[in-house]
Protein backbone atom coordinates (compact mmCIF):
# COMPACT_ATOMS: atom_id res chain seq x y z
CA UNK A 1 84.47 -0.49 93.44
CA UNK A 2 81.81 2.35 93.42
CA UNK A 3 82.64 5.44 91.42
CA UNK A 4 82.15 8.51 93.40
CA UNK A 5 78.42 9.10 91.88
CA UNK A 6 77.69 5.56 92.71
CA UNK A 7 78.84 5.91 96.22
CA UNK A 8 76.25 8.76 96.60
CA UNK A 9 73.36 6.66 94.92
CA UNK A 10 74.29 3.84 97.23
CA UNK A 11 73.91 6.22 100.35
CA UNK A 12 70.52 7.55 99.12
CA UNK A 13 69.27 4.01 98.53
CA UNK A 14 70.33 2.83 101.77
CA UNK A 15 68.14 5.52 103.48
CA UNK A 16 65.25 5.17 100.96
CA UNK A 17 64.86 1.38 100.58
CA UNK A 18 61.98 0.47 98.10
CA UNK A 19 58.83 -0.67 99.92
CA UNK A 20 58.50 -3.85 97.62
CA UNK A 21 61.60 -5.13 99.59
CA UNK A 22 60.43 -6.61 102.96
CA UNK A 23 61.81 -8.91 105.34
CA UNK A 24 64.86 -11.16 104.31
CA UNK A 25 64.91 -9.29 101.02
CA UNK A 26 65.12 -5.73 102.82
CA UNK A 27 67.87 -7.19 105.09
CA UNK A 28 70.06 -8.41 102.17
CA UNK A 29 69.38 -5.21 100.09
CA UNK A 30 70.53 -2.99 103.13
CA UNK A 31 73.57 -5.49 103.93
CA UNK A 32 74.95 -5.18 99.93
CA UNK A 33 74.57 -1.71 100.22
CA UNK A 34 76.38 -1.14 103.51
CA UNK A 35 79.31 -3.50 102.07
CA UNK A 36 79.69 -1.41 98.92
CA UNK A 37 79.75 1.93 100.99
CA UNK A 38 82.20 0.64 103.48
CA UNK A 39 84.61 -0.49 100.75
CA UNK A 40 84.31 2.60 99.06
CA UNK A 41 84.85 4.57 102.17
CA UNK A 42 87.93 2.36 103.29
CA UNK A 43 89.61 2.74 99.99
CA UNK A 44 89.48 6.49 100.27
CA UNK A 45 90.21 6.65 103.85
CA UNK A 46 93.28 4.16 104.43
CA UNK A 47 96.40 3.04 102.46
CA UNK A 48 96.13 -0.14 100.68
CA UNK A 49 97.26 -3.33 103.02
CA UNK A 50 100.84 -3.98 102.53
CA UNK A 51 102.16 -7.70 103.58
CA UNK A 52 105.31 -8.90 104.97
CA UNK A 53 107.66 -10.60 102.72
CA UNK A 54 106.22 -14.11 101.60
CA UNK A 55 106.51 -16.90 98.95
CA UNK A 56 103.26 -18.14 97.58
CA UNK A 57 102.79 -21.67 96.50
CA UNK A 58 99.61 -23.33 94.77
CA UNK A 59 99.10 -26.88 95.56
CA UNK A 60 96.81 -29.07 93.19
CA UNK A 61 97.31 -32.06 90.70
CA UNK A 62 99.91 -30.05 88.72
CA UNK A 63 102.12 -29.31 91.88
CA UNK A 64 105.69 -31.08 91.47
CA UNK A 65 106.67 -33.77 93.97
CA UNK A 66 109.81 -32.07 94.78
CA UNK A 67 107.79 -28.80 95.79
CA UNK A 68 105.55 -30.75 98.06
CA UNK A 69 108.09 -32.53 99.65
CA UNK A 70 110.06 -29.40 100.41
CA UNK A 71 106.78 -27.96 101.80
CA UNK A 72 106.22 -31.03 104.12
CA UNK A 73 109.95 -30.32 105.32
CA UNK A 74 108.88 -26.53 106.08
CA UNK A 75 105.71 -27.58 107.96
CA UNK A 76 107.45 -29.93 109.98
CA UNK A 77 110.17 -27.79 111.06
CA UNK A 78 107.80 -24.83 111.79
CA UNK A 79 105.62 -24.63 114.89
CA UNK A 80 103.03 -21.67 113.85
CA UNK A 81 100.67 -21.36 111.25
CA UNK A 82 97.88 -19.25 110.08
CA UNK A 83 94.83 -20.92 108.19
CA UNK A 84 91.77 -19.81 106.23
CA UNK A 85 89.42 -21.10 103.83
CA UNK A 86 87.43 -19.90 100.86
CA UNK A 87 84.22 -21.46 99.41
CA UNK A 88 82.41 -21.30 95.98
CA UNK A 89 78.85 -19.99 96.12
CA UNK A 90 76.12 -22.16 94.87
CA UNK A 91 72.68 -20.64 93.95
CA UNK A 92 70.08 -21.88 96.30
CA UNK A 93 72.41 -24.73 97.59
CA UNK A 94 75.07 -24.78 100.50
CA UNK A 95 78.61 -23.40 99.69
CA UNK A 96 81.01 -25.78 98.37
CA UNK A 97 84.68 -25.67 100.08
CA UNK A 98 87.04 -24.54 97.40
CA UNK A 99 90.41 -23.42 99.02
CA UNK A 100 92.16 -24.03 102.12
CA UNK A 101 95.10 -21.32 102.73
CA UNK A 102 97.97 -22.29 105.05
CA UNK A 103 100.73 -19.76 106.07
CA UNK A 104 103.94 -21.27 107.48
CA UNK A 105 105.26 -18.62 109.76
CA UNK A 106 109.18 -18.59 109.80
CA UNK A 107 111.75 -16.33 111.50
CA UNK A 108 112.50 -12.87 110.81
CA UNK A 109 108.86 -12.22 109.84
CA UNK A 110 108.89 -14.25 106.68
CA UNK A 111 106.41 -16.78 105.65
CA UNK A 112 105.35 -19.44 102.98
CA UNK A 113 101.64 -18.97 101.81
CA UNK A 114 100.11 -22.27 100.56
CA UNK A 115 96.84 -22.09 98.68
CA UNK A 116 95.48 -25.98 98.34
CA UNK A 117 93.21 -25.94 95.54
CA UNK A 118 90.59 -28.74 96.45
CA UNK A 119 88.59 -28.57 93.13
CA UNK A 120 91.78 -29.51 91.38
CA UNK A 121 93.21 -32.45 93.45
CA UNK A 122 94.87 -35.38 91.93
CA UNK A 123 93.74 -38.94 92.17
CA UNK A 124 93.70 -40.61 95.61
CA UNK A 125 95.89 -43.26 94.74
CA UNK A 126 98.63 -40.96 93.20
CA UNK A 127 101.71 -40.21 95.12
CA UNK A 128 100.87 -36.49 94.69
CA UNK A 129 97.69 -36.64 96.62
CA UNK A 130 99.59 -38.82 99.25
CA UNK A 131 102.04 -36.15 99.69
CA UNK A 132 99.26 -33.33 100.01
CA UNK A 133 97.71 -35.37 102.75
CA UNK A 134 101.28 -35.65 104.54
CA UNK A 135 101.59 -31.88 104.40
CA UNK A 136 98.27 -31.58 106.25
CA UNK A 137 99.23 -34.45 108.82
CA UNK A 138 102.61 -32.06 109.29
CA UNK A 139 100.54 -29.22 110.36
CA UNK A 140 97.49 -30.83 112.09
CA UNK A 141 99.50 -31.71 115.52
CA UNK A 142 98.91 -30.85 118.99
CA UNK A 143 102.45 -29.37 119.24
CA UNK A 144 101.91 -26.75 116.61
CA UNK A 145 99.69 -23.51 117.12
CA UNK A 146 97.16 -22.72 114.09
CA UNK A 147 95.72 -19.29 114.14
CA UNK A 148 92.37 -18.91 112.61
CA UNK A 149 90.07 -16.12 112.35
CA UNK A 150 87.10 -17.60 113.92
CA UNK A 151 87.31 -21.40 114.94
CA UNK A 152 88.46 -24.84 113.15
CA UNK A 153 84.81 -25.76 112.67
CA UNK A 154 85.26 -24.05 109.02
CA UNK A 155 87.42 -27.00 108.37
CA UNK A 156 84.82 -29.58 108.63
CA UNK A 157 83.39 -29.41 105.19
CA UNK A 158 86.96 -30.03 103.69
CA UNK A 159 87.08 -33.53 105.28
CA UNK A 160 85.04 -34.97 102.29
CA UNK A 161 88.35 -34.70 100.05
CA UNK A 162 89.74 -37.07 102.41
CA UNK A 163 93.15 -35.50 102.89
CA UNK A 164 92.46 -35.25 106.64
CA UNK A 165 89.91 -36.35 109.24
CA UNK A 166 87.83 -35.05 112.01
CA UNK A 167 90.14 -36.42 114.46
CA UNK A 168 93.33 -34.52 112.93
CA UNK A 169 91.03 -31.45 113.01
CA UNK A 170 90.34 -31.97 116.78
CA UNK A 171 93.80 -32.28 117.58
CA UNK A 172 94.96 -28.86 116.08
CA UNK A 173 96.09 -26.36 119.12
CA UNK A 174 93.79 -23.79 117.60
CA UNK A 175 94.14 -19.76 118.69
CA UNK A 176 90.91 -17.86 117.93
CA UNK A 177 92.58 -14.82 116.79
CA UNK A 178 89.29 -13.11 116.28
CA UNK A 179 88.45 -13.54 119.83
CA UNK A 180 92.00 -12.70 120.90
CA UNK A 181 92.09 -9.45 119.20
CA UNK A 182 88.78 -8.34 120.62
CA UNK A 183 90.32 -9.00 124.14
CA UNK A 184 93.59 -7.31 122.82
CA UNK A 185 91.87 -4.38 121.65
CA UNK A 186 89.94 -4.10 124.90
CA UNK A 187 93.14 -4.22 127.04
CA UNK A 188 94.98 -1.70 124.65
CA UNK A 189 91.92 0.91 124.32
CA UNK A 190 90.02 1.24 127.50
CA UNK A 191 87.57 4.01 127.58
CA UNK A 192 89.29 7.45 128.01
CA UNK A 193 87.28 10.11 129.59
CA UNK A 194 88.15 13.82 128.50
CA UNK A 195 88.50 16.31 131.52
CA UNK A 196 89.23 19.91 131.64
CA UNK A 197 91.86 18.92 134.65
CA UNK A 198 93.70 16.70 132.22
CA UNK A 199 94.39 18.89 128.97
CA UNK A 200 96.18 16.22 127.45
CA UNK A 201 93.23 13.94 127.21
CA UNK A 202 91.16 16.76 125.33
CA UNK A 203 93.50 16.04 122.19
CA UNK A 204 93.59 12.26 122.40
CA UNK A 205 90.67 10.45 120.53
CA UNK A 206 89.19 7.62 122.63
CA UNK A 207 89.46 4.41 120.58
CA UNK A 208 87.56 2.08 122.80
CA UNK A 209 85.10 -0.24 121.12
CA UNK A 210 82.06 1.92 122.15
CA UNK A 211 83.68 5.12 120.92
CA UNK A 212 84.50 3.72 117.58
CA UNK A 213 80.92 2.46 117.13
CA UNK A 214 81.36 -1.14 118.03
CA UNK A 215 79.21 -3.40 120.28
CA UNK A 216 81.15 -4.90 123.15
CA UNK A 217 79.56 -8.24 122.18
CA UNK A 218 80.27 -7.54 118.51
CA UNK A 219 82.99 -9.79 116.88
CA UNK A 220 85.75 -8.01 114.83
CA UNK A 221 85.98 -8.43 111.00
CA UNK A 222 89.57 -8.90 109.81
CA UNK A 223 89.07 -6.06 107.49
CA UNK A 224 88.19 -3.78 110.49
CA UNK A 225 91.30 -5.13 112.53
CA UNK A 226 93.49 -4.02 109.85
CA UNK A 227 91.92 -0.73 109.34
CA UNK A 228 91.99 0.34 113.17
CA UNK A 229 95.30 -1.17 113.70
CA UNK A 230 97.39 -0.05 110.76
CA UNK A 231 95.29 2.55 109.19
CA UNK A 232 95.27 0.10 105.86
CA UNK A 233 92.59 -0.97 103.53
CA UNK A 234 92.14 -5.07 103.04
CA UNK A 235 89.79 -5.15 100.29
CA UNK A 236 86.78 -7.63 100.72
CA UNK A 237 85.16 -7.08 97.43
CA UNK A 238 85.81 -10.77 96.36
CA UNK A 239 84.10 -12.42 99.04
CA UNK A 240 81.92 -14.08 96.94
CA UNK A 241 84.47 -14.85 94.34
CA UNK A 242 84.82 -17.78 91.99
CA UNK A 243 87.58 -19.65 94.22
CA UNK A 244 86.94 -22.97 92.48
CA UNK A 245 88.17 -22.05 89.01
CA UNK A 246 91.70 -22.89 89.35
CA UNK A 247 93.96 -20.23 90.11
CA UNK A 248 97.07 -21.75 89.29
CA UNK A 249 98.44 -20.84 85.70
CA UNK A 250 99.41 -24.53 85.36
CA UNK A 251 95.99 -25.67 85.61
CA UNK A 252 94.71 -23.49 82.68
CA UNK A 253 97.66 -23.61 80.45
CA UNK A 254 98.27 -19.98 78.44
CA UNK A 255 94.90 -18.78 78.38
CA UNK A 256 95.08 -14.98 78.80
CA UNK A 257 91.29 -14.71 79.36
CA UNK A 258 90.41 -12.67 82.41
CA UNK A 259 94.01 -13.38 83.70
CA UNK A 260 93.67 -10.39 86.07
CA UNK A 261 90.68 -11.79 87.63
CA UNK A 262 92.40 -14.99 88.49
CA UNK A 263 95.42 -12.86 89.96
CA UNK A 264 92.96 -10.74 92.16
CA UNK A 265 91.30 -13.94 93.58
CA UNK A 266 94.80 -15.43 94.35
CA UNK A 267 95.91 -11.90 96.09
CA UNK A 268 92.73 -12.00 98.07
CA UNK A 269 93.34 -15.34 99.32
CA UNK A 270 96.91 -14.78 100.34
CA UNK A 271 96.09 -11.58 102.04
CA UNK A 272 93.63 -13.24 104.51
CA UNK A 273 96.65 -15.26 106.00
CA UNK A 274 99.01 -12.29 105.44
CA UNK A 275 96.87 -9.91 107.37
CA UNK A 276 96.64 -12.17 110.39
CA UNK A 277 100.26 -12.41 110.46
CA UNK A 278 100.64 -8.80 110.81
CA UNK A 279 97.97 -8.66 113.59
CA UNK A 280 99.83 -11.66 115.48
CA UNK A 281 103.19 -9.73 115.33
CA UNK A 282 101.66 -6.60 116.51
CA UNK A 283 100.10 -8.06 119.35
CA UNK A 284 103.13 -10.02 120.34
CA UNK A 285 105.31 -6.90 120.25
CA UNK A 286 102.85 -5.46 122.88
CA UNK A 287 103.40 -8.53 125.16
CA UNK A 288 99.89 -10.12 124.64
CA UNK A 289 99.65 -13.73 125.81
CA UNK A 290 97.40 -15.86 123.27
CA UNK A 291 95.12 -18.30 124.64
CA UNK A 292 95.12 -21.40 123.13
CA UNK A 293 91.88 -23.63 122.85
CA UNK A 294 91.52 -26.84 124.69
CA UNK A 295 91.20 -29.81 122.03
CA UNK A 296 87.65 -30.42 122.57
CA UNK A 297 85.92 -32.76 120.22
CA UNK A 298 83.89 -30.86 117.39
CA UNK A 299 81.17 -33.02 115.81
CA UNK A 300 79.95 -32.05 112.41
CA UNK A 301 76.52 -30.95 112.29
CA UNK A 302 75.76 -32.89 109.05
CA UNK A 303 77.65 -35.59 107.03
CA UNK A 304 79.99 -34.63 104.30
CA UNK A 305 80.07 -37.58 101.72
CA UNK A 306 83.61 -37.94 99.77
CA UNK A 307 83.73 -36.24 96.37
CA UNK A 308 84.79 -38.06 93.32
CA UNK A 309 88.20 -38.31 91.78
CA UNK A 310 88.65 -35.18 89.45
CA UNK A 311 90.32 -36.42 86.03
CA UNK A 312 93.47 -34.59 85.04
CA UNK A 313 91.64 -33.11 82.01
CA UNK A 314 88.81 -31.85 83.80
CA UNK A 315 89.57 -28.17 84.82
CA UNK A 316 86.45 -27.90 87.08
CA UNK A 317 83.77 -30.29 88.10
CA UNK A 318 81.53 -27.24 88.83
CA UNK A 319 82.25 -25.75 85.48
CA UNK A 320 78.89 -26.24 84.09
CA UNK A 321 77.38 -24.12 87.02
CA UNK A 322 79.28 -20.97 85.77
CA UNK A 323 78.27 -18.83 82.67
CA UNK A 324 81.31 -16.97 82.73
CA UNK A 325 84.17 -17.78 80.67
CA UNK A 326 87.54 -19.61 82.04
CA UNK A 327 89.81 -17.22 83.50
CA UNK A 328 93.52 -17.32 84.57
CA UNK A 329 95.93 -16.22 87.26
CA UNK A 330 99.67 -16.52 87.33
CA UNK A 331 101.59 -18.88 89.68
CA UNK A 332 104.07 -16.17 90.20
CA UNK A 333 102.36 -13.10 91.87
CA UNK A 334 104.05 -9.73 91.06
CA UNK A 335 104.42 -7.96 94.36
CA UNK A 336 107.44 -5.87 95.23
CA UNK A 337 107.75 -7.55 98.69
CA UNK A 338 107.53 -11.17 97.38
CA UNK A 339 110.39 -13.00 97.80
CA UNK A 340 112.07 -15.46 94.98
CA UNK A 341 111.52 -18.75 95.88
CA UNK A 342 114.58 -20.47 97.30
CA UNK A 343 115.05 -24.34 97.88
CA UNK A 344 112.95 -24.82 101.21
CA UNK A 345 115.33 -27.52 102.16
CA UNK A 346 117.65 -24.94 103.81
CA UNK A 347 115.27 -24.45 106.57
CA UNK A 348 116.24 -25.87 109.84
CA UNK A 349 114.60 -27.34 113.15
CA UNK A 350 114.03 -24.73 115.80
CA UNK A 351 114.90 -21.48 113.71
CA UNK A 352 113.13 -18.60 114.63
CA UNK A 353 76.32 -16.29 93.86
CA UNK A 354 74.96 -16.20 97.40
CA UNK A 355 71.21 -17.15 97.77
CA UNK A 356 70.07 -13.28 97.07
CA UNK A 357 67.11 -11.98 95.18
CA UNK A 358 68.57 -11.68 91.57
CA UNK A 359 66.26 -8.47 91.02
CA UNK A 360 68.40 -7.08 93.99
CA UNK A 361 71.74 -8.24 92.93
CA UNK A 362 70.97 -6.65 89.25
CA UNK A 363 69.98 -3.13 90.88
CA UNK A 364 73.13 -2.98 93.11
CA UNK A 365 75.30 -4.04 90.29
């Protein structure tokens, strides 16, 4: 996060881009500055995002079999989910898939949020791997509703891990929450003209897309949706974080090095799903009817080769690409609204470094 002095420096730099930056470099320079400025301003203007009560779970080669069995039962008994993914950034190479976050929506605004760490899966011949695949099979069914901020195309790169197939992805009854929220906002906030004949309208700020500075063809970011809906700040500073390093403390033992960074990455991953849940509930409370997508076949634009099994003693097959030391996050995330994890068996059926110029990055940092 920028300091106050850095914020004003960034504002100056935004309007005085060095002439040596041209074309794509200039665009990237301005984009990074705008992002830093926006994070600072949102942090000042809004209160911090507050999720509803939830229980977090890490799924990887260290996850106990009873936990996986309970998660499968919860997923089987539930009909609504949110889903998001995170990737690791590789310099001058395509991003590599790292995390799948699945939120199991439960009655009374409760939820379970599962972080599947794809760089730390068990051997494919193991019982643990089979149970993780069974978990995805339980949620990737046509009678389930999956809310995604975008489309299910972001799942395609993850098929290389062989936990699910393209056919299973195509069978998902997805709801593009990003598209639905835009329609919802337009319905809830039509343009309001202020007139002398209507004194009440003079005191009402118009919140239509045009008046808040959004183009009618512009997609909403999840951060903006939370800010404008709840006056809360959903941090996005870790968008390019090292999500592949192993967030579960059971993967990294008792090493305390940079523990806070791992916890921050975990919170970031959890909040992407938890923020969607807040939006879904708000839209439902206002009577919005969600449109489910037809199960049209999505063909991958390029092939994804299966990755090799990861040895139990190999913390990260991409560790050699990183220069920073190994860092850690706790499996139990300290949050005031986080539930203590009860046995899931009580649930019953029908309960209600991007490719950027290094000199630019150095200057902005």
